[in-house]
Amino acid sequence: MASTDTEQQEHAVALLQPEVEEAYTTDGSLGVDGNPALKHRTGGWMACRPILGTEFCYCLAYYGITFNLVTYLTAELHQSNVAAANNVSTWQATCFLTPLAGAVAADSYWGRYRTMVGMLMAALSALLPLLIKDTSSMASAQEIILFLGLYMIAFGVGGLRPCLMSFGADQFDDGDTSERISKGSYFNWYIFTMNCASVISTTAMVWVQDHYGWALGLGIPAMVLAVGLSCLVAASRAYRFQTTRGSPLTRVCQVVVAAVRKFNVAPPADMALLYDLPEDASSMKGVQRIEHTADLRFFDKAAVVTASDEEAEGAAPRNPWRLCVVTQVEELKILVRMLPLWACVAFYYTATAQANSTFVEQGMAMDTRVGSFHVPPASLATFQIITTIVLIPLYDRAFVPAARRLTGREKGISDLLRIGGGLAMAALAMAAAALVETRRDRAAHAGMEPMSILWQAPQYVLVGVGELLATVGQLDFFYSQAPPAMKTVCTALGFISVAAGEYLSSLVVTAVSWATATGGRPGWIPDDLNEGHLDRFFWMMAGLGCLNLVVFTSCAMKYKSRKAC
């Protein structure tokens, strides 16, 4: 009888055990109380909705300042057009560089959540002084206050970007198939939310600033940021949190230094001899191990145990600047493998940057009348934004399920294939712009009626399709391929590629203008486009875009994926 009772108890425990394991996430995430996160009470779309709400608020505030900042500088501070344009460009580039600072702080010390709250508070506190109308005659003092506030906003909002995106992706457990599929959708809806906020900013927010003044025009972004901060904090109990492991950049530098120190040491033929710590070691608790890979063997030298390392280990704790564990070496290898792909993505943004510069200049030389309305050339970018907004739901709800049935991939197609499609769209957009410019230039020289500005719509639509493919794909790629301790830093690479592309675009345009304007010639991009050859510039960019696609395809085929992407 006693044995029967014991068997029944063991059977009951066996039945309950899977339920107990099912109750917690499998990725080691924690709840707000510091205990393992309960799967059905935290994370998922329940936690992502307030995160996307915060994303909408910060984008609404950021773009509400960005799109009309040049008007504020010229009308309120009486800066010249050149000075205002340079100040806006520098500020925007800074906003795309500061994500690295926020990413390092999040992955190293504060964690993503605390970093986001701190960055939002910094941006909000920087925005408040801009609401105060300076009645003094000291324009320099007003400019100092303005630019101090703007660059604090750049630090706060820029640092928020990679944390917010990676924190949202953290809410999905990679060990759960359904949640892993939802993570792919999350990146689509993140960009969808960003573009919706952009549309509202370019229309309603700019209209308020122009008709009701800058006190209200800057007050609205301040209020919106406060709402975003409230949304983020109010849902704290629903979030899943990842632990930090110290500075990822420090660990990367340690591998490089240790490998250089052992430059003349050959890695062993048996990779099992490389230095690693047992599972129960205190420094490896909570750390997801990364298996050794055979490429980039120079960095394996950092994990080679030499005689001096054995002597030092007995006398003192391991010096990480002389001897690194395999997982640490593999983290650096992952970053190195991603760099060629990152460079190709950066050039993609060099091409798409033309939508805000040479596309607008091309539109200014065309007939901007549409019926009885006058269409500002810069507003043609609405075609790009609306294309992305319309296609993202179709891509997520229709294309991905259909492609999943054909390919068996959870995301329908791989991230690398998606990025490659975006690069192709950028090249096609440049070719479409070149064809339009060729026809516009011929019409101008033949004395015909100027072409309608609506002929530019296809090139903007192609840029919008490219954003759907390349921008979402590269953000998903960098996050999914990143080592667990470098998620935010690798996500920041996506934003830094935008800044690199903008800087490279400026360099390319300057170089082309200098090279083609020699000998008294007007060059390809003169002030009067009828005297130049903007079409040749667009064809050059289309050709470089095709070359970039070829390089990207070659790198993608050689890339050793950490997991299915």
Protein backbone atom coordinates (compact mmCIF):
# COMPACT_ATOMS: atom_id res chain seq x y z
CA MET A 1 0.00 0.00 0.00
CA ALA A 2 2.80 2.37 0.95
CA SER A 3 4.62 1.60 -2.28
CA THR A 4 1.44 2.34 -4.27
CA ASP A 5 1.10 5.75 -2.58
CA THR A 6 4.73 6.51 -3.31
CA GLU A 7 4.29 5.63 -7.00
CA GLN A 8 1.22 7.88 -7.22
CA GLN A 9 3.14 10.78 -5.65
CA GLU A 10 6.04 10.30 -8.06
CA HIS A 11 3.60 10.16 -10.97
CA ALA A 12 1.96 13.41 -9.80
CA VAL A 13 5.35 15.12 -9.50
CA ALA A 14 6.29 13.97 -13.01
CA LEU A 15 3.07 15.43 -14.39
CA LEU A 16 3.51 18.72 -12.57
CA GLN A 17 7.20 19.15 -13.40
CA PRO A 18 6.71 20.24 -17.06
CA GLU A 19 4.14 22.80 -15.90
CA VAL A 20 6.60 24.24 -13.41
CA GLU A 21 9.29 24.46 -16.09
CA GLU A 22 6.78 25.91 -18.53
CA ALA A 23 5.94 28.71 -16.08
CA TYR A 24 9.32 30.42 -16.53
CA THR A 25 11.17 31.74 -19.55
CA THR A 26 14.08 29.72 -20.90
CA ASP A 27 16.39 32.64 -21.75
CA GLY A 28 17.32 33.53 -18.17
CA SER A 29 15.33 36.76 -18.13
CA LEU A 30 14.15 38.20 -14.81
CA GLY A 31 11.02 39.94 -13.61
CA VAL A 32 10.94 43.38 -12.03
CA ASP A 33 11.41 41.77 -8.60
CA GLY A 34 14.69 40.13 -9.66
CA ASN A 35 13.26 36.60 -9.76
CA PRO A 36 13.02 34.43 -12.89
CA ALA A 37 10.38 35.86 -15.23
CA LEU A 38 7.02 34.11 -15.35
CA LYS A 39 6.20 33.42 -18.99
CA HIS A 40 2.46 34.13 -18.84
CA ARG A 41 2.68 37.25 -16.67
CA THR A 42 5.54 39.03 -18.39
CA GLY A 43 6.85 39.75 -21.86
CA GLY A 44 5.25 39.10 -25.23
CA TRP A 45 2.98 41.60 -26.93
CA MET A 46 1.53 42.53 -23.54
CA ALA A 47 4.88 44.16 -22.67
CA CYS A 48 5.66 45.36 -26.20
CA ARG A 49 2.56 47.52 -26.60
CA PRO A 50 3.70 50.14 -24.03
CA ILE A 51 7.22 49.92 -25.50
CA LEU A 52 5.86 50.68 -28.97
CA GLY A 53 3.78 53.45 -27.39
CA THR A 54 6.96 54.95 -25.98
CA GLU A 55 8.60 54.57 -29.40
CA PHE A 56 5.69 56.45 -31.00
CA CYS A 57 5.96 59.28 -28.47
CA TYR A 58 9.71 59.73 -28.75
CA CYS A 59 9.59 59.62 -32.58
CA LEU A 60 6.75 62.15 -32.58
CA ALA A 61 8.82 64.46 -30.37
CA TYR A 62 12.09 63.91 -32.26
CA TYR A 63 10.65 64.40 -35.74
CA GLY A 64 8.52 67.29 -34.48
CA ILE A 65 11.77 69.11 -33.77
CA THR A 66 13.78 67.78 -36.71
CA PHE A 67 11.54 68.53 -39.68
CA ASN A 68 11.09 72.23 -38.93
CA LEU A 69 14.30 73.00 -37.04
CA VAL A 70 15.85 74.81 -40.01
CA THR A 71 12.82 77.14 -40.06
CA TYR A 72 13.27 77.89 -36.37
CA LEU A 73 16.96 78.69 -36.84
CA THR A 74 16.36 81.03 -39.77
CA ALA A 75 13.13 82.70 -38.58
CA GLU A 76 13.72 82.90 -34.82
CA LEU A 77 17.52 83.08 -34.57
CA HIS A 78 18.03 84.76 -37.98
CA GLN A 79 20.76 82.36 -39.12
CA SER A 80 21.73 82.18 -42.77
CA ASN A 81 20.46 79.29 -44.91
CA VAL A 82 23.92 77.72 -45.07
CA ALA A 83 24.55 78.02 -41.32
CA ALA A 84 21.10 76.65 -40.47
CA ALA A 85 21.46 73.72 -42.89
CA ASN A 86 24.90 72.83 -41.49
CA ASN A 87 23.67 73.05 -37.90
CA VAL A 88 20.70 70.79 -38.63
CA SER A 89 22.86 68.24 -40.49
CA THR A 90 25.42 68.13 -37.68
CA TRP A 91 22.73 67.72 -35.05
CA GLN A 92 20.98 64.93 -36.95
CA ALA A 93 24.25 63.07 -37.49
CA THR A 94 24.98 63.37 -33.76
CA CYS A 95 21.56 61.87 -33.01
CA PHE A 96 22.59 58.77 -34.98
CA LEU A 97 26.03 58.51 -33.35
CA THR A 98 24.95 58.78 -29.71
CA PRO A 99 23.18 55.37 -29.76
CA LEU A 100 26.58 53.77 -29.21
CA ALA A 101 26.99 55.62 -25.90
CA GLY A 102 23.54 54.53 -24.74
CA ALA A 103 24.20 50.96 -25.88
CA VAL A 104 27.49 50.69 -23.96
CA ALA A 105 25.85 52.10 -20.82
CA ALA A 106 22.94 49.66 -21.14
CA ASP A 107 25.00 46.52 -21.80
CA SER A 108 27.71 47.40 -19.29
CA TYR A 109 26.20 49.02 -16.21
CA TRP A 110 22.61 50.25 -16.04
CA GLY A 111 20.70 47.71 -18.09
CA ARG A 112 18.32 48.67 -20.90
CA TYR A 113 15.37 49.74 -18.76
CA ARG A 114 17.25 52.12 -16.47
CA THR A 115 19.15 53.55 -19.43
CA MET A 116 15.89 54.25 -21.27
CA VAL A 117 14.30 55.99 -18.27
CA GLY A 118 17.45 58.06 -17.74
CA MET A 119 17.72 59.02 -21.41
CA LEU A 120 14.05 60.01 -21.59
CA MET A 121 14.41 62.18 -18.49
CA ALA A 122 17.55 63.81 -19.94
CA ALA A 123 15.78 64.59 -23.22
CA LEU A 124 12.72 65.95 -21.40
CA SER A 125 14.77 68.15 -19.07
CA ALA A 126 16.72 69.47 -22.07
CA LEU A 127 13.53 70.32 -23.95
CA LEU A 128 11.94 72.36 -21.16
CA PRO A 129 14.40 75.34 -21.30
CA LEU A 130 13.66 75.69 -25.04
CA LEU A 131 10.06 76.59 -24.17
CA ILE A 132 11.16 79.76 -22.40
CA LYS A 133 11.09 82.76 -24.71
CA ASP A 134 14.33 84.71 -24.34
CA THR A 135 13.37 88.41 -24.28
CA SER A 136 16.94 89.62 -24.02
CA SER A 137 18.77 91.10 -26.96
CA MET A 138 21.66 88.69 -26.59
CA ALA A 139 21.13 86.35 -29.52
CA SER A 140 24.32 84.47 -28.65
CA ALA A 141 22.95 83.56 -25.21
CA GLN A 142 19.74 82.30 -26.80
CA GLU A 143 21.75 80.20 -29.27
CA ILE A 144 23.87 78.75 -26.46
CA ILE A 145 20.75 77.68 -24.56
CA LEU A 146 19.19 76.27 -27.73
CA PHE A 147 22.18 74.21 -28.85
CA LEU A 148 22.96 73.01 -25.34
CA GLY A 149 19.39 71.76 -25.15
CA LEU A 150 19.47 70.27 -28.64
CA TYR A 151 22.62 68.27 -28.00
CA MET A 152 21.30 67.05 -24.66
CA ILE A 153 18.24 65.88 -26.59
CA ALA A 154 20.55 64.22 -29.12
CA PHE A 155 22.27 62.39 -26.26
CA GLY A 156 19.01 61.40 -24.59
CA VAL A 157 16.98 60.40 -27.64
CA GLY A 158 19.98 58.89 -29.42
CA GLY A 159 20.89 56.80 -26.40
CA LEU A 160 17.28 55.68 -26.10
CA ARG A 161 17.04 54.26 -29.63
CA PRO A 162 19.03 51.00 -29.41
CA CYS A 163 17.87 50.33 -25.85
CA LEU A 164 14.19 50.68 -26.73
CA MET A 165 14.44 48.40 -29.77
CA SER A 166 16.51 45.68 -28.10
CA PHE A 167 14.46 45.90 -24.88
CA GLY A 168 11.31 45.25 -26.92
CA ALA A 169 12.95 42.25 -28.61
CA ASP A 170 14.00 40.97 -25.16
CA GLN A 171 10.31 40.49 -24.32
CA PHE A 172 10.18 37.42 -26.58
CA ASP A 173 11.72 34.14 -25.43
CA ASP A 174 13.95 32.53 -28.08
CA GLY A 175 13.26 29.14 -26.49
CA ASP A 176 9.54 29.42 -27.35
CA THR A 177 8.73 28.93 -31.06
CA SER A 178 5.63 31.15 -31.08
CA GLU A 179 7.43 33.96 -29.25
CA ARG A 180 10.43 33.67 -31.56
CA ILE A 181 8.12 34.14 -34.56
CA SER A 182 6.52 37.15 -32.86
CA LYS A 183 9.96 38.70 -32.39
CA GLY A 184 10.35 38.90 -36.18
CA SER A 185 7.02 40.75 -36.37
CA TYR A 186 8.10 43.12 -33.61
CA PHE A 187 10.80 44.71 -35.79
CA ASN A 188 8.24 45.27 -38.56
CA TRP A 189 5.83 47.04 -36.22
CA TYR A 190 8.65 49.04 -34.67
CA ILE A 191 9.42 50.65 -38.05
CA PHE A 192 5.69 50.96 -38.75
CA THR A 193 5.22 52.92 -35.52
CA MET A 194 8.21 55.13 -36.32
CA ASN A 195 6.82 56.01 -39.76
CA CYS A 196 3.34 56.75 -38.40
CA ALA A 197 4.89 59.24 -35.97
CA SER A 198 6.91 60.70 -38.83
CA VAL A 199 3.76 61.34 -40.91
CA ILE A 200 2.05 63.14 -38.02
CA SER A 201 5.16 65.22 -37.37
CA THR A 202 5.58 66.29 -41.00
CA THR A 203 1.95 67.38 -41.22
CA ALA A 204 0.20 68.28 -37.97
CA MET A 205 3.25 69.19 -35.89
CA VAL A 206 4.81 71.41 -38.57
CA TRP A 207 1.42 73.07 -39.16
CA VAL A 208 1.09 73.91 -35.45
CA GLN A 209 4.59 75.36 -35.34
CA ASP A 210 3.97 77.53 -38.41
CA HIS A 211 0.51 78.79 -37.36
CA TYR A 212 0.60 78.88 -33.55
CA GLY A 213 4.24 79.63 -32.79
CA TRP A 214 7.17 77.79 -31.34
CA ALA A 215 6.08 77.92 -27.70
CA LEU A 216 3.28 75.47 -28.48
CA GLY A 217 5.31 73.84 -31.26
CA LEU A 218 8.03 72.82 -28.78
CA GLY A 219 5.62 72.35 -25.90
CA ILE A 220 3.87 69.49 -27.67
CA PRO A 221 7.11 67.42 -28.05
CA ALA A 222 7.80 68.00 -24.35
CA MET A 223 4.34 66.76 -23.38
CA VAL A 224 4.63 63.80 -25.75
CA LEU A 225 7.99 62.77 -24.23
CA ALA A 226 6.42 62.95 -20.76
CA VAL A 227 3.61 60.67 -21.94
CA GLY A 228 6.16 58.26 -23.41
CA LEU A 229 8.08 58.14 -20.13
CA SER A 230 4.84 57.45 -18.26
CA CYS A 231 3.93 54.62 -20.67
CA LEU A 232 7.31 53.00 -20.17
CA VAL A 233 7.32 53.19 -16.38
CA ALA A 234 3.65 52.25 -15.87
CA ALA A 235 4.13 48.81 -17.42
CA SER A 236 7.30 47.94 -15.45
CA ARG A 237 5.82 44.81 -13.87
CA ALA A 238 5.10 43.31 -17.30
CA TYR A 239 8.69 43.51 -18.56
CA ARG A 240 11.41 40.89 -18.75
CA PHE A 241 14.91 42.09 -17.86
CA GLN A 242 18.31 40.79 -18.91
CA THR A 243 21.31 40.90 -16.60
CA THR A 244 24.45 42.87 -17.48
CA ARG A 245 27.97 41.43 -17.64
CA GLY A 246 30.21 44.48 -17.71
CA SER A 247 31.48 46.49 -20.65
CA PRO A 248 31.31 44.56 -23.95
CA LEU A 249 33.90 46.90 -25.48
CA THR A 250 36.31 46.06 -22.68
CA ARG A 251 35.91 42.33 -23.34
CA VAL A 252 36.51 42.90 -27.06
CA CYS A 253 39.68 44.89 -26.33
CA GLN A 254 40.90 42.18 -23.95
CA VAL A 255 40.72 39.57 -26.72
CA VAL A 256 42.60 41.80 -29.16
CA VAL A 257 45.32 42.64 -26.62
CA ALA A 258 45.71 39.01 -25.51
CA ALA A 259 45.91 37.79 -29.13
CA VAL A 260 48.53 40.42 -30.04
CA ARG A 261 50.60 39.52 -26.98
CA LYS A 262 50.64 35.90 -28.18
CA PHE A 263 51.31 36.81 -31.81
CA ASN A 264 54.04 34.15 -32.14
CA VAL A 265 52.01 31.43 -30.40
CA ALA A 266 50.32 28.93 -32.69
CA PRO A 267 46.77 27.79 -31.80
CA PRO A 268 46.60 24.08 -30.93
CA ALA A 269 45.31 21.56 -33.46
CA ASP A 270 42.83 20.32 -30.85
CA MET A 271 40.56 23.25 -30.09
CA ALA A 272 39.43 21.53 -26.91
CA LEU A 273 42.75 22.68 -25.41
CA LEU A 274 41.71 26.35 -25.61
CA TYR A 275 41.02 27.97 -22.27
CA ASP A 276 37.49 27.68 -20.93
CA LEU A 277 35.85 27.66 -17.54
CA PRO A 278 33.64 24.92 -16.13
CA GLU A 279 29.87 25.40 -16.01
CA ASP A 280 29.87 25.84 -12.23
CA ALA A 281 32.49 28.64 -12.28
CA SER A 282 31.16 31.80 -10.61
CA SER A 283 32.14 34.03 -13.54
CA MET A 284 30.20 31.82 -15.99
CA LYS A 285 26.91 31.70 -14.10
CA GLY A 286 24.11 33.10 -16.20
CA VAL A 287 26.40 33.29 -19.25
CA GLN A 288 25.28 31.67 -22.49
CA ARG A 289 28.25 29.80 -23.88
CA ILE A 290 29.19 30.20 -27.55
CA GLU A 291 30.71 27.20 -29.31
CA HIS A 292 34.12 27.57 -30.90
CA THR A 293 34.30 28.26 -34.64
CA ALA A 294 37.21 27.41 -36.94
CA ASP A 295 37.58 30.73 -38.80
CA LEU A 296 39.44 33.90 -37.70
CA ARG A 297 41.94 31.71 -35.89
CA PHE A 298 44.23 34.62 -35.05
CA PHE A 299 41.89 35.56 -32.21
CA ASP A 300 42.06 32.00 -30.85
CA LYS A 301 45.54 32.90 -29.64
CA ALA A 302 43.87 34.86 -26.83
CA ALA A 303 42.54 31.55 -25.43
CA VAL A 304 45.80 29.59 -25.78
CA VAL A 305 47.19 28.59 -22.37
CA THR A 306 50.96 29.14 -22.32
CA ALA A 307 53.44 28.13 -19.64
CA SER A 308 53.49 31.67 -18.26
CA ASP A 309 49.68 31.61 -18.01
CA GLU A 310 49.81 28.36 -16.01
CA GLU A 311 52.38 29.84 -13.64
CA ALA A 312 50.42 33.06 -13.20
CA GLU A 313 47.12 31.22 -12.64
CA GLY A 314 48.47 29.46 -9.60
CA ALA A 315 49.69 32.69 -7.99
CA ALA A 316 46.83 35.07 -8.79
CA PRO A 317 43.42 35.22 -10.51
CA ARG A 318 43.38 35.00 -14.29
CA ASN A 319 44.42 38.19 -16.06
CA PRO A 320 41.76 38.73 -18.78
CA TRP A 321 44.20 40.92 -20.73
CA ARG A 322 46.48 37.88 -21.17
CA LEU A 323 44.07 34.92 -21.26
CA CYS A 324 40.44 34.92 -22.43
CA VAL A 325 37.76 32.25 -22.41
CA VAL A 326 36.45 30.80 -25.69
CA THR A 327 33.05 32.49 -25.36
CA GLN A 328 34.76 35.88 -25.08
CA VAL A 329 36.83 35.16 -28.21
CA GLU A 330 33.74 34.10 -30.13
CA GLU A 331 31.97 37.35 -29.21
CA LEU A 332 34.69 39.29 -31.02
CA LYS A 333 34.54 36.91 -33.99
CA ILE A 334 30.80 37.57 -34.36
CA LEU A 335 31.42 41.32 -34.50
CA VAL A 336 34.23 40.96 -37.05
CA ARG A 337 32.04 38.78 -39.30
CA MET A 338 29.29 41.38 -39.27
CA LEU A 339 31.50 44.35 -40.20
CA PRO A 340 31.61 43.77 -44.02
CA LEU A 341 27.81 43.43 -44.07
CA TRP A 342 27.51 46.56 -41.93
CA ALA A 343 29.64 48.51 -44.42
CA CYS A 344 27.33 47.47 -47.28
CA VAL A 345 24.30 48.58 -45.27
CA ALA A 346 26.00 51.92 -44.57
CA PHE A 347 26.40 52.52 -48.32
CA TYR A 348 22.70 51.71 -48.76
CA TYR A 349 21.96 54.74 -46.57
CA THR A 350 24.31 56.80 -48.71
CA ALA A 351 21.96 56.14 -51.63
CA THR A 352 18.73 56.69 -49.69
CA ALA A 353 20.12 59.95 -48.28
CA GLN A 354 19.56 61.41 -51.75
CA ALA A 355 15.82 61.42 -51.01
CA ASN A 356 16.38 64.34 -48.65
CA SER A 357 18.90 66.21 -50.80
CA THR A 358 19.33 65.71 -54.56
CA PHE A 359 15.78 64.37 -54.98
CA VAL A 360 14.47 67.62 -53.47
CA GLU A 361 16.76 69.71 -55.68
CA GLN A 362 15.50 67.77 -58.70
CA GLY A 363 11.91 68.46 -57.63
CA MET A 364 12.61 72.18 -57.33
CA ALA A 365 13.47 72.22 -61.04
CA MET A 366 10.15 70.59 -61.99
CA ASP A 367 6.54 71.79 -62.21
CA THR A 368 5.27 71.69 -58.62
CA ARG A 369 1.66 72.43 -59.54
CA VAL A 370 -0.81 69.58 -59.10
CA GLY A 371 -4.15 70.93 -60.20
CA SER A 372 -4.73 74.11 -58.21
CA PHE A 373 -2.28 73.10 -55.48
CA HIS A 374 1.41 73.88 -55.12
CA VAL A 375 3.34 70.84 -53.84
CA PRO A 376 6.54 71.59 -51.88
CA PRO A 377 9.31 69.38 -53.32
CA ALA A 378 10.30 68.08 -49.88
CA SER A 379 6.75 66.81 -49.29
CA LEU A 380 7.22 64.15 -52.00
CA ALA A 381 8.93 62.13 -49.24
CA THR A 382 5.38 61.40 -48.07
CA PHE A 383 5.22 58.78 -50.87
CA GLN A 384 8.19 57.02 -49.24
CA ILE A 385 6.67 57.08 -45.76
CA ILE A 386 3.18 56.01 -46.87
CA THR A 387 4.64 53.17 -48.95
CA THR A 388 6.40 51.81 -45.87
CA ILE A 389 3.31 52.22 -43.68
CA VAL A 390 1.05 50.43 -46.18
CA LEU A 391 3.45 47.59 -47.01
CA ILE A 392 4.56 46.63 -43.48
CA PRO A 393 1.17 45.15 -42.44
CA LEU A 394 0.91 43.38 -45.81
CA TYR A 395 4.43 42.02 -45.44
CA ASP A 396 3.86 40.86 -41.86
CA ARG A 397 0.35 39.42 -42.26
CA ALA A 398 0.37 38.13 -45.84
CA PHE A 399 3.87 37.72 -47.28
CA VAL A 400 5.61 36.18 -44.24
CA PRO A 401 2.98 33.40 -43.67
CA ALA A 402 2.95 32.56 -47.40
CA ALA A 403 6.76 32.53 -47.60
CA ARG A 404 6.95 30.48 -44.40
CA ARG A 405 4.89 27.72 -46.01
CA LEU A 406 7.23 27.66 -49.00
CA THR A 407 10.61 27.99 -47.27
CA GLY A 408 9.94 26.55 -43.82
CA ARG A 409 11.64 29.59 -42.25
CA GLU A 410 9.99 31.25 -39.28
CA LYS A 411 10.53 34.70 -40.81
CA GLY A 412 9.56 33.61 -44.32
CA ILE A 413 12.90 34.64 -45.82
CA SER A 414 16.30 35.16 -44.23
CA ASP A 415 17.34 38.55 -42.89
CA LEU A 416 20.25 38.65 -45.34
CA LEU A 417 17.97 38.02 -48.32
CA ARG A 418 15.65 40.74 -47.05
CA ILE A 419 18.52 43.21 -46.73
CA GLY A 420 19.75 42.30 -50.22
CA GLY A 421 16.30 43.08 -51.60
CA GLY A 422 16.46 46.49 -49.94
CA LEU A 423 19.86 47.20 -51.49
CA ALA A 424 18.45 46.31 -54.89
CA MET A 425 15.53 48.72 -54.36
CA ALA A 426 17.98 51.54 -53.60
CA ALA A 427 19.82 50.92 -56.87
CA LEU A 428 16.51 50.87 -58.76
CA ALA A 429 15.47 54.13 -57.09
CA MET A 430 18.68 55.79 -58.32
CA ALA A 431 18.06 54.45 -61.84
CA ALA A 432 14.46 55.76 -61.77
CA ALA A 433 15.71 59.18 -60.64
CA ALA A 434 18.28 59.17 -63.47
CA LEU A 435 15.60 58.40 -66.08
CA VAL A 436 13.37 61.19 -64.75
CA GLU A 437 16.27 63.63 -64.72
CA THR A 438 17.26 62.74 -68.28
CA ARG A 439 13.75 63.43 -69.52
CA ARG A 440 13.44 66.62 -67.42
CA ASP A 441 16.75 67.97 -68.74
CA ARG A 442 15.79 67.24 -72.36
CA ALA A 443 12.44 68.98 -71.90
CA ALA A 444 14.16 72.01 -70.36
CA HIS A 445 16.66 72.33 -73.22
CA ALA A 446 13.94 71.85 -75.83
CA GLY A 447 11.90 74.67 -74.34
CA MET A 448 9.01 72.33 -73.49
CA GLU A 449 6.70 72.54 -70.48
CA PRO A 450 8.45 71.46 -67.25
CA MET A 451 7.76 67.90 -66.15
CA SER A 452 5.28 67.41 -63.32
CA ILE A 453 6.86 66.75 -59.94
CA LEU A 454 4.66 63.65 -59.61
CA TRP A 455 7.09 61.87 -61.96
CA GLN A 456 9.31 61.61 -58.88
CA ALA A 457 6.78 59.45 -57.05
CA PRO A 458 8.15 56.08 -58.32
CA GLN A 459 11.67 56.77 -57.02
CA TYR A 460 10.30 57.68 -53.58
CA VAL A 461 8.12 54.55 -53.60
CA LEU A 462 11.19 52.42 -54.36
CA VAL A 463 13.05 54.02 -51.45
CA GLY A 464 10.04 53.18 -49.23
CA VAL A 465 10.11 49.54 -50.35
CA GLY A 466 13.84 49.51 -49.65
CA GLU A 467 13.23 50.76 -46.11
CA LEU A 468 10.71 47.97 -45.51
CA LEU A 469 13.27 45.41 -46.60
CA ALA A 470 16.71 46.73 -45.66
CA THR A 471 16.03 48.86 -42.59
CA VAL A 472 13.83 46.32 -40.80
CA GLY A 473 15.99 43.44 -41.98
CA GLN A 474 19.28 44.88 -40.79
CA LEU A 475 17.90 45.77 -37.35
CA ASP A 476 16.56 42.23 -36.94
CA PHE A 477 19.82 40.78 -38.25
CA PHE A 478 22.15 42.70 -35.94
CA TYR A 479 20.00 41.89 -32.90
CA SER A 480 19.54 38.18 -33.67
CA GLN A 481 23.21 37.62 -34.51
CA ALA A 482 24.57 39.57 -31.54
CA PRO A 483 26.11 37.76 -28.57
CA PRO A 484 23.73 37.81 -25.58
CA ALA A 485 25.87 40.35 -23.72
CA MET A 486 26.12 42.70 -26.73
CA LYS A 487 22.50 42.94 -27.93
CA THR A 488 22.21 46.70 -27.45
CA VAL A 489 25.66 47.48 -28.86
CA CYS A 490 24.98 45.45 -32.00
CA THR A 491 21.54 47.05 -32.37
CA ALA A 492 23.31 50.42 -32.20
CA LEU A 493 25.33 49.36 -35.25
CA GLY A 494 22.14 49.66 -37.28
CA PHE A 495 21.69 53.29 -36.25
CA ILE A 496 25.37 54.11 -36.67
CA SER A 497 25.16 52.80 -40.24
CA VAL A 498 22.59 55.55 -40.92
CA ALA A 499 25.01 58.20 -39.63
CA ALA A 500 27.87 56.67 -41.62
CA GLY A 501 25.72 56.69 -44.74
CA GLU A 502 24.78 60.35 -44.23
CA TYR A 503 28.41 61.37 -43.78
CA LEU A 504 29.47 59.30 -46.80
CA SER A 505 26.69 60.89 -48.88
CA SER A 506 28.00 64.34 -48.05
CA LEU A 507 31.52 63.21 -48.95
CA VAL A 508 30.39 61.68 -52.27
CA VAL A 509 28.41 64.77 -53.30
CA THR A 510 31.32 67.05 -52.39
CA ALA A 511 33.82 64.87 -54.26
CA VAL A 512 31.63 64.67 -57.38
CA SER A 513 31.06 68.43 -57.38
CA TRP A 514 34.78 69.09 -57.02
CA ALA A 515 35.84 66.55 -59.66
CA THR A 516 33.29 67.61 -62.30
CA ALA A 517 33.47 71.38 -61.83
CA THR A 518 37.08 71.81 -62.92
CA GLY A 519 38.17 73.95 -65.85
CA GLY A 520 35.32 76.40 -65.50
CA ARG A 521 32.66 73.74 -66.07
CA PRO A 522 29.48 73.93 -63.96
CA GLY A 523 29.84 70.31 -62.84
CA TRP A 524 27.18 67.65 -62.46
CA ILE A 525 25.31 69.31 -59.56
CA PRO A 526 25.33 73.11 -60.09
CA ASP A 527 22.84 75.54 -58.56
CA ASP A 528 21.01 75.61 -61.91
CA LEU A 529 20.43 71.93 -62.72
CA ASN A 530 19.72 72.78 -66.36
CA GLU A 531 23.44 73.58 -66.70
CA GLY A 532 24.60 70.36 -65.07
CA HIS A 533 24.22 66.59 -65.38
CA LEU A 534 22.41 65.39 -62.29
CA ASP A 535 21.35 62.34 -64.31
CA ARG A 536 25.00 61.23 -64.49
CA PHE A 537 25.26 61.50 -60.72
CA PHE A 538 22.17 59.31 -60.30
CA TRP A 539 23.51 56.77 -62.80
CA MET A 540 26.80 56.72 -60.90
CA MET A 541 24.92 56.05 -57.64
CA ALA A 542 22.88 53.32 -59.36
CA GLY A 543 26.09 51.69 -60.58
CA LEU A 544 27.70 51.90 -57.15
CA GLY A 545 24.49 50.49 -55.69
CA CYS A 546 24.72 47.47 -57.98
CA LEU A 547 28.37 47.00 -57.05
CA ASN A 548 27.41 47.27 -53.38
CA LEU A 549 24.76 44.58 -53.91
CA VAL A 550 27.34 42.26 -55.51
CA VAL A 551 29.75 42.79 -52.60
CA PHE A 552 26.95 42.25 -50.10
CA THR A 553 25.87 39.03 -51.82
CA SER A 554 29.44 37.72 -51.73
CA CYS A 555 29.80 38.59 -48.03
CA ALA A 556 26.38 37.11 -47.20
CA MET A 557 27.25 33.81 -48.90
CA LYS A 558 30.48 33.57 -46.88
CA TYR A 559 28.89 34.71 -43.62
CA LYS A 560 28.75 32.04 -40.91
CA SER A 561 25.47 32.60 -39.15
CA ARG A 562 25.33 32.18 -35.40
CA LYS A 563 21.77 30.93 -35.81
CA ALA A 564 19.18 30.83 -38.58
CA CYS A 565 18.69 34.37 -39.86
